[in-house]
Amino acid sequence: MYQSLSPRDQALVSQGQIRPGMSMDAVWLARGKPDQKIPNNMDGRATETWVYLRYETPPSYGGPYSYGPFDWSYIPPKFVHPSRGVTFANGRVVFFRYLTPP
């Protein structure tokens, strides 16, 4: 799959970057499998948005049942944030965005 990309896209994929017009295969190689795929319509044409999530564990905050950093019974919660979104039309990138956590 990588060999079928243009030299420009091979260079971008190697750096984990994407560009408008890039193929779905190239984005998959650059970013990996998306956590969510959302079908939609944009101006009457079918689109698909890939969403990549970021999982964040907050630092230990010493809750009521915590006995410090060596309390092995404490399992901190994980917060999920969308971190990136890429929208495709006709199999090509038409929009991408880096999202910030709330």
Protein backbone atom coordinates (compact mmCIF):
# COMPACT_ATOMS: atom_id res chain seq x y z
CA MET A 1 0.00 0.00 0.00
CA TYR A 2 2.82 2.40 0.94
CA GLN A 3 4.60 1.79 -2.38
CA SER A 4 1.50 2.88 -4.32
CA LEU A 5 1.60 6.38 -2.77
CA SER A 6 3.23 9.36 -4.45
CA PRO A 7 6.69 10.33 -3.13
CA ARG A 8 5.09 13.40 -1.51
CA ASP A 9 2.50 11.29 0.32
CA GLN A 10 5.12 8.70 1.31
CA ALA A 11 7.11 11.47 2.98
CA LEU A 12 4.03 12.80 4.80
CA VAL A 13 2.93 9.33 5.91
CA SER A 14 6.42 8.64 7.26
CA GLN A 15 6.00 11.71 9.49
CA GLY A 16 2.41 10.86 10.50
CA GLN A 17 1.04 13.85 8.60
CA ILE A 18 -1.86 14.21 6.19
CA ARG A 19 -2.96 16.72 3.54
CA PRO A 20 -6.14 17.63 1.63
CA GLY A 21 -6.65 15.24 -1.28
CA MET A 22 -4.81 12.36 0.41
CA SER A 23 -6.37 8.90 0.03
CA MET A 24 -8.00 6.93 2.84
CA ASP A 25 -5.23 4.33 2.58
CA ALA A 26 -2.57 7.01 3.09
CA VAL A 27 -4.37 8.41 6.15
CA TRP A 28 -4.72 4.90 7.56
CA LEU A 29 -0.96 4.40 7.12
CA ALA A 30 -0.18 7.81 8.66
CA ARG A 31 -2.58 7.73 11.59
CA GLY A 32 -3.71 4.14 12.01
CA LYS A 33 -7.17 2.73 12.47
CA PRO A 34 -9.69 5.37 13.58
CA ASP A 35 -11.61 4.90 16.82
CA GLN A 36 -14.87 5.94 15.15
CA LYS A 37 -16.17 6.27 11.60
CA ILE A 38 -19.10 8.64 11.09
CA PRO A 39 -21.01 8.63 7.78
CA ASN A 40 -22.58 11.94 6.79
CA ASN A 41 -23.54 14.23 3.90
CA MET A 42 -21.80 17.46 2.96
CA ASP A 43 -23.44 19.59 0.28
CA GLY A 44 -25.33 16.57 -1.02
CA ARG A 45 -22.34 14.24 -1.31
CA ALA A 46 -21.61 11.28 0.92
CA THR A 47 -18.77 11.80 3.37
CA GLU A 48 -17.14 9.81 6.13
CA THR A 49 -15.35 11.30 9.13
CA TRP A 50 -12.71 9.36 11.00
CA VAL A 51 -12.30 10.30 14.65
CA TYR A 52 -9.20 9.50 16.65
CA LEU A 53 -9.53 9.50 20.43
CA ARG A 54 -6.99 10.28 23.12
CA TYR A 55 -7.13 8.52 26.47
CA GLU A 56 -5.84 10.50 29.41
CA THR A 57 -5.31 9.36 32.98
CA PRO A 58 -5.26 12.27 35.42
CA PRO A 59 -2.50 12.45 38.02
CA SER A 60 -3.36 10.86 41.34
CA TYR A 61 -5.31 13.39 43.31
CA GLY A 62 -5.49 11.65 46.71
CA GLY A 63 -9.19 10.82 46.79
CA PRO A 64 -10.96 9.77 50.01
CA TYR A 65 -9.84 6.12 49.67
CA SER A 66 -6.31 6.78 48.43
CA TYR A 67 -3.31 6.09 50.62
CA GLY A 68 -0.73 7.69 48.38
CA PRO A 69 1.09 6.55 45.25
CA PHE A 70 1.56 3.01 46.61
CA ASP A 71 -2.16 2.33 47.12
CA TRP A 72 -2.53 -0.52 44.61
CA SER A 73 -6.31 -0.72 45.13
CA TYR A 74 -6.79 2.68 43.52
CA ILE A 75 -7.48 2.63 39.78
CA PRO A 76 -7.61 6.15 38.35
CA PRO A 77 -10.34 7.01 35.85
CA LYS A 78 -9.51 7.49 32.19
CA PHE A 79 -10.87 10.47 30.31
CA VAL A 80 -11.52 10.18 26.59
CA HIS A 81 -11.08 13.18 24.30
CA PRO A 82 -11.42 13.38 20.53
CA SER A 83 -7.97 14.43 19.35
CA ARG A 84 -8.19 14.41 15.55
CA GLY A 85 -10.84 14.28 12.87
CA VAL A 86 -10.47 13.62 9.15
CA THR A 87 -13.37 13.95 6.68
CA PHE A 88 -13.34 12.18 3.32
CA ALA A 89 -15.46 12.59 0.18
CA ASN A 90 -14.97 10.18 -2.71
CA GLY A 91 -12.19 8.49 -0.72
CA ARG A 92 -10.08 11.67 -0.44
CA VAL A 93 -9.39 14.05 2.46
CA VAL A 94 -11.54 17.18 2.20
CA PHE A 95 -11.09 18.42 5.78
CA PHE A 96 -8.99 17.58 8.80
CA ARG A 97 -8.71 19.06 12.23
CA TYR A 98 -6.73 18.68 15.42
CA LEU A 99 -9.16 18.88 18.30
CA THR A 100 -8.37 20.05 21.80
CA PRO A 101 -9.73 18.47 24.95
CA PRO A 102 -12.61 20.24 26.72
